[in-house]
């Protein structure tokens, strides 16, 4: 069997980057003749956490480090930032980087370029894979159910002129094939209700069909209905993808110990991704709902970036400044 090389084109966001790198490691652990090059798209707004993570992976002394390498693409200084626009502007840099890889490994014994693994928001990179004559696979970091929802909205938008924004306050329900129950239209994710954010999401969904397959961070036992609802392209559930190596954050052990002390299936986990944050009014509403529910909870609470700045959310130095008065004291036994 010939040696093969995969190119991962990843988004500079922790929620996408970490899970994709873990997929790369899993592949390398299973295939001795495989090597992977990770191309990290770069923008001036990328936070230090992403840069530190990439550097830590690059410096890793693991046994597969020679088969896994990272290449930073030139920093994009464009003021406006969106995943789709960044992908379009970075296509020439990706093509140049892959060309250098193929030229430097042109001997008979060198790994041959076998395909691209592309972040779910970077479908313009399918064009680059096509130029090199290799297949592309989409890495979808969210659930199979949400993938099915994206494809459903794109289909009825294109075929029936469906405009999600018109259903913001509607009592209608959507029969999404990947969901067991109909979805109330008014609870669609906010980007779907935005006429500014919707077009690039629809364009990504349209292009998913051009990929050889979609790799999803899920597993059949969790989402059997959603996974079995898909026709094409093939869906590969490879999850759960977790970074189980030790975590150096100061509260990691405390949180894990607290979780171990709770009854099975008793904790509600609230986490909205590395870019997820809420304003003070929304935080208070979530807090009130948690308190009144009486359920145990683990909440990843992030501070929104200042208006107009293209930076990631940050941690609160003192969460009490946005939580209802006395919330932490009243929930000390059931929440973290």
C-alpha atoms as a PDB file:
ATOM      1  CA  UNK A   1       0.000   0.000   0.000  1.00  0.00           C
ATOM      2  CA  UNK A   2       1.310   3.444  -0.935  1.00  0.00           C
ATOM      3  CA  UNK A   3       1.905   6.192   1.578  1.00  0.00           C
ATOM      4  CA  UNK A   4      -0.857   8.796   1.549  1.00  0.00           C
ATOM      5  CA  UNK A   5      -1.098  12.425   2.581  1.00  0.00           C
ATOM      6  CA  UNK A   6      -4.220  14.284   3.717  1.00  0.00           C
ATOM      7  CA  UNK A   7      -4.542  18.054   3.946  1.00  0.00           C
ATOM      8  CA  UNK A   8      -6.798  19.453   6.677  1.00  0.00           C
ATOM      9  CA  UNK A   9      -8.005  23.022   6.068  1.00  0.00           C
ATOM     10  CA  UNK A  10      -9.261  24.260   9.419  1.00  0.00           C
ATOM     11  CA  UNK A  11     -11.002  27.286  10.870  1.00  0.00           C
ATOM     12  CA  UNK A  12      -9.132  29.387  13.465  1.00  0.00           C
ATOM     13  CA  UNK A  13     -11.728  28.693  16.174  1.00  0.00           C
ATOM     14  CA  UNK A  14     -11.101  26.386  19.125  1.00  0.00           C
ATOM     15  CA  UNK A  15     -14.416  24.560  18.799  1.00  0.00           C
ATOM     16  CA  UNK A  16     -13.484  23.556  15.248  1.00  0.00           C
ATOM     17  CA  UNK A  17      -9.716  23.261  15.524  1.00  0.00           C
ATOM     18  CA  UNK A  18      -9.371  20.953  18.535  1.00  0.00           C
ATOM     19  CA  UNK A  19     -11.882  18.339  17.386  1.00  0.00           C
ATOM     20  CA  UNK A  20     -10.461  18.278  13.852  1.00  0.00           C
ATOM     21  CA  UNK A  21      -6.924  17.770  15.154  1.00  0.00           C
ATOM     22  CA  UNK A  22      -8.193  14.911  17.330  1.00  0.00           C
ATOM     23  CA  UNK A  23      -9.704  13.312  14.211  1.00  0.00           C
ATOM     24  CA  UNK A  24      -6.315  13.646  12.530  1.00  0.00           C
ATOM     25  CA  UNK A  25      -4.649  11.921  15.479  1.00  0.00           C
ATOM     26  CA  UNK A  26      -7.167   9.082  15.409  1.00  0.00           C
ATOM     27  CA  UNK A  27      -6.530   8.520  11.712  1.00  0.00           C
ATOM     28  CA  UNK A  28      -2.775   8.523  12.216  1.00  0.00           C
ATOM     29  CA  UNK A  29      -3.010   6.049  15.081  1.00  0.00           C
ATOM     30  CA  UNK A  30      -4.864   3.643  12.802  1.00  0.00           C
ATOM     31  CA  UNK A  31      -2.855   4.027   9.594  1.00  0.00           C
ATOM     32  CA  UNK A  32       0.941   3.838   9.674  1.00  0.00           C
ATOM     33  CA  UNK A  33       1.312   4.889   6.038  1.00  0.00           C
ATOM     34  CA  UNK A  34      -0.690   8.087   6.465  1.00  0.00           C
ATOM     35  CA  UNK A  35       0.599  11.604   7.080  1.00  0.00           C
ATOM     36  CA  UNK A  36      -1.457  14.744   7.639  1.00  0.00           C
ATOM     37  CA  UNK A  37      -0.700  18.413   7.091  1.00  0.00           C
ATOM     38  CA  UNK A  38      -2.932  20.887   8.902  1.00  0.00           C
ATOM     39  CA  UNK A  39      -3.380  24.293   7.272  1.00  0.00           C
ATOM     40  CA  UNK A  40      -4.700  26.850   9.749  1.00  0.00           C
ATOM     41  CA  UNK A  41      -6.321  29.878   8.166  1.00  0.00           C
ATOM     42  CA  UNK A  42      -5.247  33.018   9.966  1.00  0.00           C
ATOM     43  CA  UNK A  43      -6.911  36.353  10.614  1.00  0.00           C
ATOM     44  CA  UNK A  44      -5.877  39.375  12.645  1.00  0.00           C
ATOM     45  CA  UNK A  45      -8.825  38.767  14.993  1.00  0.00           C
ATOM     46  CA  UNK A  46      -7.726  35.245  15.975  1.00  0.00           C
ATOM     47  CA  UNK A  47      -7.271  35.076  19.732  1.00  0.00           C
ATOM     48  CA  UNK A  48      -4.179  33.935  21.587  1.00  0.00           C
ATOM     49  CA  UNK A  49      -5.832  30.667  22.645  1.00  0.00           C
ATOM     50  CA  UNK A  50      -5.880  29.444  19.051  1.00  0.00           C
ATOM     51  CA  UNK A  51      -2.267  30.449  18.469  1.00  0.00           C
ATOM     52  CA  UNK A  52      -1.149  28.843  21.729  1.00  0.00           C
ATOM     53  CA  UNK A  53      -2.972  25.638  20.883  1.00  0.00           C
ATOM     54  CA  UNK A  54      -1.359  25.383  17.448  1.00  0.00           C
ATOM     55  CA  UNK A  55       2.079  26.033  18.929  1.00  0.00           C
ATOM     56  CA  UNK A  56       1.550  23.387  21.606  1.00  0.00           C
ATOM     57  CA  UNK A  57       0.543  20.852  18.967  1.00  0.00           C
ATOM     58  CA  UNK A  58       3.488  21.766  16.787  1.00  0.00           C
ATOM     59  CA  UNK A  59       5.878  21.333  19.686  1.00  0.00           C
ATOM     60  CA  UNK A  60       4.334  18.054  20.741  1.00  0.00           C
ATOM     61  CA  UNK A  61       6.820  15.236  21.163  1.00  0.00           C
ATOM     62  CA  UNK A  62       4.228  12.475  20.627  1.00  0.00           C
ATOM     63  CA  UNK A  63       5.128   9.437  18.582  1.00  0.00           C
ATOM     64  CA  UNK A  64       3.021  10.615  15.641  1.00  0.00           C
ATOM     65  CA  UNK A  65       4.440  14.127  15.545  1.00  0.00           C
ATOM     66  CA  UNK A  66       6.488  13.358  12.440  1.00  0.00           C
ATOM     67  CA  UNK A  67       3.316  12.413  10.604  1.00  0.00           C
ATOM     68  CA  UNK A  68       1.315  15.432  11.773  1.00  0.00           C
ATOM     69  CA  UNK A  69       2.515  18.902  10.912  1.00  0.00           C
ATOM     70  CA  UNK A  70       1.018  22.367  11.027  1.00  0.00           C
ATOM     71  CA  UNK A  71       1.442  25.173   8.510  1.00  0.00           C
ATOM     72  CA  UNK A  72       0.300  28.703   9.284  1.00  0.00           C
ATOM     73  CA  UNK A  73      -1.077  30.548   6.288  1.00  0.00           C
ATOM     74  CA  UNK A  74      -0.387  34.284   5.845  1.00  0.00           C
ATOM     75  CA  UNK A  75      -2.409  36.448   8.205  1.00  0.00           C
ATOM     76  CA  UNK A  76      -5.471  38.047   6.647  1.00  0.00           C
ATOM     77  CA  UNK A  77      -5.655  41.710   7.691  1.00  0.00           C
ATOM     78  CA  UNK A  78      -9.005  42.414   6.072  1.00  0.00           C
ATOM     79  CA  UNK A  79     -11.216  44.370   8.482  1.00  0.00           C
ATOM     80  CA  UNK A  80     -14.395  42.396   7.889  1.00  0.00           C
ATOM     81  CA  UNK A  81     -14.370  38.801   9.034  1.00  0.00           C
ATOM     82  CA  UNK A  82     -16.592  35.887   8.210  1.00  0.00           C
ATOM     83  CA  UNK A  83     -15.656  32.269   7.643  1.00  0.00           C
ATOM     84  CA  UNK A  84     -16.876  32.315   4.045  1.00  0.00           C
ATOM     85  CA  UNK A  85     -15.092  35.528   3.023  1.00  0.00           C
ATOM     86  CA  UNK A  86     -11.882  34.422   4.744  1.00  0.00           C
ATOM     87  CA  UNK A  87     -12.005  31.111   2.894  1.00  0.00           C
ATOM     88  CA  UNK A  88     -12.365  32.839  -0.474  1.00  0.00           C
ATOM     89  CA  UNK A  89      -9.456  35.193   0.212  1.00  0.00           C
ATOM     90  CA  UNK A  90      -7.236  32.366   1.461  1.00  0.00           C
ATOM     91  CA  UNK A  91      -7.795  30.006  -1.472  1.00  0.00           C
ATOM     92  CA  UNK A  92      -4.627  31.165  -3.307  1.00  0.00           C
ATOM     93  CA  UNK A  93      -2.554  30.651  -0.131  1.00  0.00           C
ATOM     94  CA  UNK A  94      -3.969  27.158   0.376  1.00  0.00           C
ATOM     95  CA  UNK A  95      -3.238  26.265  -3.241  1.00  0.00           C
ATOM     96  CA  UNK A  96       0.329  27.553  -2.912  1.00  0.00           C
ATOM     97  CA  UNK A  97       0.909  25.636   0.336  1.00  0.00           C
ATOM     98  CA  UNK A  98      -0.404  22.369  -1.096  1.00  0.00           C
ATOM     99  CA  UNK A  99       1.633  22.858  -4.259  1.00  0.00           C
ATOM    100  CA  UNK A 100       4.785  23.196  -2.149  1.00  0.00           C
ATOM    101  CA  UNK A 101       3.859  20.036  -0.252  1.00  0.00           C
ATOM    102  CA  UNK A 102       3.402  18.008  -3.421  1.00  0.00           C
ATOM    103  CA  UNK A 103       6.598  19.359  -4.993  1.00  0.00           C
ATOM    104  CA  UNK A 104       8.712  18.673  -1.902  1.00  0.00           C
ATOM    105  CA  UNK A 105       7.427  15.107  -1.710  1.00  0.00           C
ATOM    106  CA  UNK A 106       7.692  14.111  -5.338  1.00  0.00           C
ATOM    107  CA  UNK A 107       9.904  11.036  -4.905  1.00  0.00           C
ATOM    108  CA  UNK A 108       8.526   7.526  -5.362  1.00  0.00           C
ATOM    109  CA  UNK A 109       8.613   6.828  -1.616  1.00  0.00           C
ATOM    110  CA  UNK A 110       6.932  10.099  -0.643  1.00  0.00           C
ATOM    111  CA  UNK A 111       3.276  10.184   0.458  1.00  0.00           C
ATOM    112  CA  UNK A 112       0.891  10.954  -2.383  1.00  0.00           C
ATOM    113  CA  UNK A 113      -1.801  13.585  -1.910  1.00  0.00           C
ATOM    114  CA  UNK A 114      -5.012  11.627  -1.308  1.00  0.00           C
ATOM    115  CA  UNK A 115      -7.587  14.221  -0.310  1.00  0.00           C
ATOM    116  CA  UNK A 116      -8.695  17.286   1.639  1.00  0.00           C
ATOM    117  CA  UNK A 117     -10.604  17.429   4.917  1.00  0.00           C
ATOM    118  CA  UNK A 118     -12.326  20.813   5.015  1.00  0.00           C
ATOM    119  CA  UNK A 119     -13.993  22.712   7.837  1.00  0.00           C
ATOM    120  CA  UNK A 120     -17.794  22.891   7.573  1.00  0.00           C
ATOM    121  CA  UNK A 121     -17.664  26.654   6.868  1.00  0.00           C
ATOM    122  CA  UNK A 122     -14.840  26.501   4.296  1.00  0.00           C
ATOM    123  CA  UNK A 123     -16.550  24.848   1.340  1.00  0.00           C
ATOM    124  CA  UNK A 124     -14.800  27.177  -1.173  1.00  0.00           C
ATOM    125  CA  UNK A 125     -11.759  24.961  -0.529  1.00  0.00           C
ATOM    126  CA  UNK A 126     -13.521  22.202  -2.471  1.00  0.00           C
ATOM    127  CA  UNK A 127     -12.425  24.153  -5.555  1.00  0.00           C
ATOM    128  CA  UNK A 128      -8.777  23.797  -4.521  1.00  0.00           C
ATOM    129  CA  UNK A 129      -9.143  20.053  -3.949  1.00  0.00           C
ATOM    130  CA  UNK A 130     -10.703  19.748  -7.399  1.00  0.00           C
ATOM    131  CA  UNK A 131      -7.739  21.566  -8.944  1.00  0.00           C
ATOM    132  CA  UNK A 132      -5.434  18.920  -7.475  1.00  0.00           C
ATOM    133  CA  UNK A 133      -7.730  16.140  -8.640  1.00  0.00           C
ATOM    134  CA  UNK A 134      -8.392  14.703  -5.181  1.00  0.00           C
ATOM    135  CA  UNK A 135     -11.629  14.189  -3.220  1.00  0.00           C
ATOM    136  CA  UNK A 136     -12.731  16.477  -0.417  1.00  0.00           C
ATOM    137  CA  UNK A 137     -14.481  15.602   2.826  1.00  0.00           C
ATOM    138  CA  UNK A 138     -16.366  18.035   5.050  1.00  0.00           C
ATOM    139  CA  UNK A 139     -15.663  17.969   8.791  1.00  0.00           C
ATOM    140  CA  UNK A 140     -18.876  18.950  10.566  1.00  0.00           C
ATOM    141  CA  UNK A 141     -18.192  19.836  14.193  1.00  0.00           C
ATOM    142  CA  UNK A 142     -21.804  19.855  15.356  1.00  0.00           C
ATOM    143  CA  UNK A 143     -24.463  17.136  15.524  1.00  0.00           C
ATOM    144  CA  UNK A 144     -25.916  15.089  12.683  1.00  0.00           C
ATOM    145  CA  UNK A 145     -29.318  16.554  13.556  1.00  0.00           C
ATOM    146  CA  UNK A 146     -28.060  20.100  12.999  1.00  0.00           C
ATOM    147  CA  UNK A 147     -26.415  19.063   9.728  1.00  0.00           C
ATOM    148  CA  UNK A 148     -29.754  17.679   8.603  1.00  0.00           C
ATOM    149  CA  UNK A 149     -31.456  20.906   9.628  1.00  0.00           C
ATOM    150  CA  UNK A 150     -29.028  22.990   7.530  1.00  0.00           C
ATOM    151  CA  UNK A 151     -29.600  20.782   4.494  1.00  0.00           C
ATOM    152  CA  UNK A 152     -33.371  20.909   5.009  1.00  0.00           C
ATOM    153  CA  UNK A 153     -33.483  24.722   5.202  1.00  0.00           C
ATOM    154  CA  UNK A 154     -31.288  24.999   2.106  1.00  0.00           C
ATOM    155  CA  UNK A 155     -33.532  22.596   0.183  1.00  0.00           C
ATOM    156  CA  UNK A 156     -36.840  24.307   0.972  1.00  0.00           C
ATOM    157  CA  UNK A 157     -35.254  27.744   0.494  1.00  0.00           C
ATOM    158  CA  UNK A 158     -34.104  26.862  -3.017  1.00  0.00           C
ATOM    159  CA  UNK A 159     -37.152  24.827  -4.045  1.00  0.00           C
ATOM    160  CA  UNK A 160     -39.963  26.654  -2.246  1.00  0.00           C
ATOM    161  CA  UNK A 161     -38.473  30.149  -1.688  1.00  0.00           C
ATOM    162  CA  UNK A 162     -38.624  29.576   2.073  1.00  0.00           C
ATOM    163  CA  UNK A 163     -37.433  32.635   4.036  1.00  0.00           C
ATOM    164  CA  UNK A 164     -36.654  31.714   7.670  1.00  0.00           C
ATOM    165  CA  UNK A 165     -36.755  35.379   8.749  1.00  0.00           C
ATOM    166  CA  UNK A 166     -40.481  35.462   8.021  1.00  0.00           C
ATOM    167  CA  UNK A 167     -41.055  32.741  10.619  1.00  0.00           C
ATOM    168  CA  UNK A 168     -39.349  34.490  13.544  1.00  0.00           C
ATOM    169  CA  UNK A 169     -42.606  34.800  15.508  1.00  0.00           C
ATOM    170  CA  UNK A 170     -44.529  32.047  13.787  1.00  0.00           C
ATOM    171  CA  UNK A 171     -46.306  29.119  15.426  1.00  0.00           C
ATOM    172  CA  UNK A 172     -45.501  26.944  12.407  1.00  0.00           C
ATOM    173  CA  UNK A 173     -43.551  23.716  12.774  1.00  0.00           C
ATOM    174  CA  UNK A 174     -40.959  22.375  10.339  1.00  0.00           C
ATOM    175  CA  UNK A 175     -40.850  18.625   9.508  1.00  0.00           C
ATOM    176  CA  UNK A 176     -37.048  18.319   9.512  1.00  0.00           C
ATOM    177  CA  UNK A 177     -36.141  14.732   8.464  1.00  0.00           C
ATOM    178  CA  UNK A 178     -33.149  14.543  10.821  1.00  0.00           C
ATOM    179  CA  UNK A 179     -35.295  15.409  13.858  1.00  0.00           C
ATOM    180  CA  UNK A 180     -37.666  12.983  15.543  1.00  0.00           C
ATOM    181  CA  UNK A 181     -40.233  15.711  16.253  1.00  0.00           C
ATOM    182  CA  UNK A 182     -41.240  18.781  14.180  1.00  0.00           C
ATOM    183  CA  UNK A 183     -39.177  21.886  14.938  1.00  0.00           C
ATOM    184  CA  UNK A 184     -41.036  25.057  16.037  1.00  0.00           C
ATOM    185  CA  UNK A 185     -39.991  27.644  13.445  1.00  0.00           C
ATOM    186  CA  UNK A 186     -39.562  30.387  16.032  1.00  0.00           C
ATOM    187  CA  UNK A 187     -36.707  28.524  17.777  1.00  0.00           C
ATOM    188  CA  UNK A 188     -34.499  28.279  14.698  1.00  0.00           C
ATOM    189  CA  UNK A 189     -30.887  29.347  15.411  1.00  0.00           C
ATOM    190  CA  UNK A 190     -30.482  33.121  15.167  1.00  0.00           C
ATOM    191  CA  UNK A 191     -28.098  32.994  12.135  1.00  0.00           C
ATOM    192  CA  UNK A 192     -30.881  31.289  10.194  1.00  0.00           C
ATOM    193  CA  UNK A 193     -33.191  34.207  10.992  1.00  0.00           C
ATOM    194  CA  UNK A 194     -30.667  36.809   9.822  1.00  0.00           C
ATOM    195  CA  UNK A 195     -30.829  37.820   6.162  1.00  0.00           C
ATOM    196  CA  UNK A 196     -27.151  38.794   6.439  1.00  0.00           C
ATOM    197  CA  UNK A 197     -25.872  35.549   7.951  1.00  0.00           C
ATOM    198  CA  UNK A 198     -28.175  33.133   6.131  1.00  0.00           C
ATOM    199  CA  UNK A 199     -26.743  33.335   2.554  1.00  0.00           C
ATOM    200  CA  UNK A 200     -23.259  31.951   3.374  1.00  0.00           C
ATOM    201  CA  UNK A 201     -24.841  29.171   5.453  1.00  0.00           C
ATOM    202  CA  UNK A 202     -27.050  28.203   2.522  1.00  0.00           C
ATOM    203  CA  UNK A 203     -24.110  28.295   0.115  1.00  0.00           C
ATOM    204  CA  UNK A 204     -22.102  25.996   2.390  1.00  0.00           C
ATOM    205  CA  UNK A 205     -25.024  23.575   2.584  1.00  0.00           C
ATOM    206  CA  UNK A 206     -25.380  23.571  -1.221  1.00  0.00           C
ATOM    207  CA  UNK A 207     -21.753  22.620  -1.628  1.00  0.00           C
ATOM    208  CA  UNK A 208     -21.814  19.783   0.897  1.00  0.00           C
ATOM    209  CA  UNK A 209     -23.241  17.615  -1.865  1.00  0.00           C
ATOM    210  CA  UNK A 210     -20.034  18.085  -3.875  1.00  0.00           C
ATOM    211  CA  UNK A 211     -17.936  16.435  -1.163  1.00  0.00           C
ATOM    212  CA  UNK A 212     -17.027  12.758  -1.177  1.00  0.00           C
ATOM    213  CA  UNK A 213     -18.477  12.498   2.309  1.00  0.00           C
ATOM    214  CA  UNK A 214     -19.209  14.366   5.530  1.00  0.00           C
ATOM    215  CA  UNK A 215     -17.353  13.506   8.734  1.00  0.00           C
ATOM    216  CA  UNK A 216     -19.521  14.278  11.763  1.00  0.00           C
ATOM    217  CA  UNK A 217     -18.530  14.481  15.419  1.00  0.00           C
ATOM    218  CA  UNK A 218     -21.269  12.123  16.604  1.00  0.00           C
ATOM    219  CA  UNK A 219     -21.993   8.402  16.912  1.00  0.00           C
ATOM    220  CA  UNK A 220     -24.772   6.093  15.776  1.00  0.00           C
ATOM    221  CA  UNK A 221     -26.011   5.134  19.237  1.00  0.00           C
ATOM    222  CA  UNK A 222     -26.644   8.800  20.041  1.00  0.00           C
ATOM    223  CA  UNK A 223     -28.163   9.964  16.741  1.00  0.00           C
ATOM    224  CA  UNK A 224     -29.401   6.882  14.921  1.00  0.00           C
ATOM    225  CA  UNK A 225     -32.514   8.659  13.578  1.00  0.00           C
ATOM    226  CA  UNK A 226     -30.560  11.629  12.227  1.00  0.00           C
ATOM    227  CA  UNK A 227     -27.759   9.562  10.693  1.00  0.00           C
ATOM    228  CA  UNK A 228     -30.160   7.154   8.990  1.00  0.00           C
ATOM    229  CA  UNK A 229     -32.155  10.070   7.524  1.00  0.00           C
ATOM    230  CA  UNK A 230     -29.364  11.072   5.129  1.00  0.00           C
ATOM    231  CA  UNK A 231     -29.182   9.948   1.519  1.00  0.00           C
ATOM    232  CA  UNK A 232     -26.115  11.602  -0.032  1.00  0.00           C
ATOM    233  CA  UNK A 233     -23.301  12.330   0.426  1.00  0.00           C
ATOM    234  CA  UNK A 234     -22.160   9.517   2.754  1.00  0.00           C
ATOM    235  CA  UNK A 235     -22.101  10.435   6.444  1.00  0.00           C
ATOM    236  CA  UNK A 236     -19.238   9.173   8.601  1.00  0.00           C
ATOM    237  CA  UNK A 237     -20.004   9.405  12.344  1.00  0.00           C
ATOM    238  CA  UNK A 238     -16.563   9.379  13.972  1.00  0.00           C
ATOM    239  CA  UNK A 239     -17.400  10.712  17.436  1.00  0.00           C
ATOM    240  CA  UNK A 240     -17.340  11.357  20.169  1.00  0.00           C
ATOM    241  CA  UNK A 241     -14.146  13.278  19.426  1.00  0.00           C
ATOM    242  CA  UNK A 242     -12.613  14.343  22.721  1.00  0.00           C
ATOM    243  CA  UNK A 243      -9.255  15.663  23.844  1.00  0.00           C
ATOM    244  CA  UNK A 244      -8.806  13.372  26.844  1.00  0.00           C
ATOM    245  CA  UNK A 245      -5.267  14.411  27.634  1.00  0.00           C
ATOM    246  CA  UNK A 246      -4.716  16.203  30.937  1.00  0.00           C
ATOM    247  CA  UNK A 247      -6.017  19.760  31.097  1.00  0.00           C
ATOM    248  CA  UNK A 248      -3.836  22.367  32.758  1.00  0.00           C
ATOM    249  CA  UNK A 249      -6.605  24.801  33.650  1.00  0.00           C
ATOM    250  CA  UNK A 250      -6.829  25.448  37.372  1.00  0.00           C
ATOM    251  CA  UNK A 251     -10.479  24.425  37.770  1.00  0.00           C
ATOM    252  CA  UNK A 252     -10.392  21.298  35.597  1.00  0.00           C
ATOM    253  CA  UNK A 253      -9.867  18.780  38.391  1.00  0.00           C
ATOM    254  CA  UNK A 254     -12.409  20.502  40.628  1.00  0.00           C
ATOM    255  CA  UNK A 255     -15.082  20.330  37.914  1.00  0.00           C
ATOM    256  CA  UNK A 256     -14.342  16.701  37.084  1.00  0.00           C
ATOM    257  CA  UNK A 257     -14.514  15.732  40.752  1.00  0.00           C
ATOM    258  CA  UNK A 258     -17.825  17.558  41.138  1.00  0.00           C
ATOM    259  CA  UNK A 259     -19.242  15.759  38.103  1.00  0.00           C
ATOM    260  CA  UNK A 260     -18.081  12.401  39.476  1.00  0.00           C
ATOM    261  CA  UNK A 261     -19.964  13.133  42.697  1.00  0.00           C
ATOM    262  CA  UNK A 262     -23.305  13.711  40.930  1.00  0.00           C
ATOM    263  CA  UNK A 263     -25.872  10.963  40.207  1.00  0.00           C
ATOM    264  CA  UNK A 264     -25.774   9.499  36.674  1.00  0.00           C
ATOM    265  CA  UNK A 265     -27.616  11.474  33.971  1.00  0.00           C
ATOM    266  CA  UNK A 266     -28.444  14.307  36.363  1.00  0.00           C
ATOM    267  CA  UNK A 267     -26.410  17.292  35.091  1.00  0.00           C
ATOM    268  CA  UNK A 268     -27.474  19.782  32.417  1.00  0.00           C
ATOM    269  CA  UNK A 269     -24.421  21.032  30.475  1.00  0.00           C
ATOM    270  CA  UNK A 270     -24.674  24.532  28.994  1.00  0.00           C
ATOM    271  CA  UNK A 271     -21.970  25.342  26.458  1.00  0.00           C
ATOM    272  CA  UNK A 272     -22.465  27.371  23.290  1.00  0.00           C
ATOM    273  CA  UNK A 273     -19.140  26.870  21.528  1.00  0.00           C
ATOM    274  CA  UNK A 274     -15.920  28.850  21.571  1.00  0.00           C
ATOM    275  CA  UNK A 275     -17.698  31.836  19.968  1.00  0.00           C
ATOM    276  CA  UNK A 276     -20.866  31.601  22.059  1.00  0.00           C
ATOM    277  CA  UNK A 277     -21.776  34.395  24.475  1.00  0.00           C
ATOM    278  CA  UNK A 278     -24.854  36.250  25.685  1.00  0.00           C
ATOM    279  CA  UNK A 279     -25.751  39.733  26.836  1.00  0.00           C
ATOM    280  CA  UNK A 280     -26.594  40.442  30.466  1.00  0.00           C
ATOM    281  CA  UNK A 281     -30.371  40.218  29.977  1.00  0.00           C
ATOM    282  CA  UNK A 282     -30.092  36.792  28.357  1.00  0.00           C
ATOM    283  CA  UNK A 283     -27.676  35.563  31.027  1.00  0.00           C
ATOM    284  CA  UNK A 284     -30.147  36.509  33.745  1.00  0.00           C
ATOM    285  CA  UNK A 285     -32.976  34.698  31.931  1.00  0.00           C
ATOM    286  CA  UNK A 286     -30.892  31.532  31.597  1.00  0.00           C
ATOM    287  CA  UNK A 287     -29.883  31.762  35.263  1.00  0.00           C
ATOM    288  CA  UNK A 288     -33.501  32.145  36.396  1.00  0.00           C
ATOM    289  CA  UNK A 289     -34.549  29.148  34.296  1.00  0.00           C
ATOM    290  CA  UNK A 290     -31.769  27.013  35.758  1.00  0.00           C
ATOM    291  CA  UNK A 291     -32.582  28.000  39.309  1.00  0.00           C
ATOM    292  CA  UNK A 292     -36.310  27.394  38.940  1.00  0.00           C
ATOM    293  CA  UNK A 293     -35.751  24.039  37.222  1.00  0.00           C
ATOM    294  CA  UNK A 294     -33.871  22.692  40.223  1.00  0.00           C
ATOM    295  CA  UNK A 295     -31.630  20.596  37.979  1.00  0.00           C
ATOM    296  CA  UNK A 296     -27.922  20.211  38.556  1.00  0.00           C
ATOM    297  CA  UNK A 297     -25.967  22.169  35.954  1.00  0.00           C
ATOM    298  CA  UNK A 298     -22.521  22.920  34.569  1.00  0.00           C
ATOM    299  CA  UNK A 299     -22.452  26.266  32.743  1.00  0.00           C
ATOM    300  CA  UNK A 300     -19.698  27.636  30.515  1.00  0.00           C
ATOM    301  CA  UNK A 301     -20.420  31.361  30.849  1.00  0.00           C
ATOM    302  CA  UNK A 302     -18.519  33.679  28.503  1.00  0.00           C
ATOM    303  CA  UNK A 303     -18.266  37.468  28.299  1.00  0.00           C
ATOM    304  CA  UNK A 304     -19.253  38.905  24.876  1.00  0.00           C
ATOM    305  CA  UNK A 305     -16.540  40.840  23.034  1.00  0.00           C
ATOM    306  CA  UNK A 306     -16.842  44.638  22.961  1.00  0.00           C
ATOM    307  CA  UNK A 307     -19.173  45.885  20.199  1.00  0.00           C
ATOM    308  CA  UNK A 308     -17.426  46.222  16.857  1.00  0.00           C
ATOM    309  CA  UNK A 309     -14.371  44.139  17.806  1.00  0.00           C
ATOM    310  CA  UNK A 310     -13.710  40.882  15.959  1.00  0.00           C
ATOM    311  CA  UNK A 311     -12.438  38.928  18.948  1.00  0.00           C
ATOM    312  CA  UNK A 312     -13.590  35.818  20.742  1.00  0.00           C
ATOM    313  CA  UNK A 313     -15.599  35.876  23.965  1.00  0.00           C
ATOM    314  CA  UNK A 314     -13.589  35.828  27.184  1.00  0.00           C
ATOM    315  CA  UNK A 315     -14.061  34.602  30.739  1.00  0.00           C
ATOM    316  CA  UNK A 316     -15.666  36.806  33.362  1.00  0.00           C
ATOM    317  CA  UNK A 317     -13.365  37.849  36.179  1.00  0.00           C
ATOM    318  CA  UNK A 318     -16.445  37.979  38.409  1.00  0.00           C
ATOM    319  CA  UNK A 319     -19.579  36.270  37.010  1.00  0.00           C
ATOM    320  CA  UNK A 320     -21.690  37.884  39.743  1.00  0.00           C
ATOM    321  CA  UNK A 321     -21.646  41.143  37.783  1.00  0.00           C
ATOM    322  CA  UNK A 322     -24.106  39.673  35.253  1.00  0.00           C
ATOM    323  CA  UNK A 323     -25.890  36.978  37.265  1.00  0.00           C
ATOM    324  CA  UNK A 324     -28.983  37.626  39.400  1.00  0.00           C
ATOM    325  CA  UNK A 325     -28.142  38.766  42.914  1.00  0.00           C
ATOM    326  CA  UNK A 326     -27.479  35.790  45.177  1.00  0.00           C
ATOM    327  CA  UNK A 327     -27.651  33.254  42.323  1.00  0.00           C
ATOM    328  CA  UNK A 328     -24.296  31.637  43.096  1.00  0.00           C
ATOM    329  CA  UNK A 329     -25.140  31.260  46.790  1.00  0.00           C
ATOM    330  CA  UNK A 330     -28.561  29.772  46.107  1.00  0.00           C
ATOM    331  CA  UNK A 331     -27.258  27.254  43.557  1.00  0.00           C
ATOM    332  CA  UNK A 332     -23.956  26.374  45.207  1.00  0.00           C
ATOM    333  CA  UNK A 333     -25.030  22.763  45.845  1.00  0.00           C
ATOM    334  CA  UNK A 334     -26.426  22.060  42.381  1.00  0.00           C
ATOM    335  CA  UNK A 335     -24.333  24.089  39.959  1.00  0.00           C
ATOM    336  CA  UNK A 336     -20.898  24.989  38.744  1.00  0.00           C
END
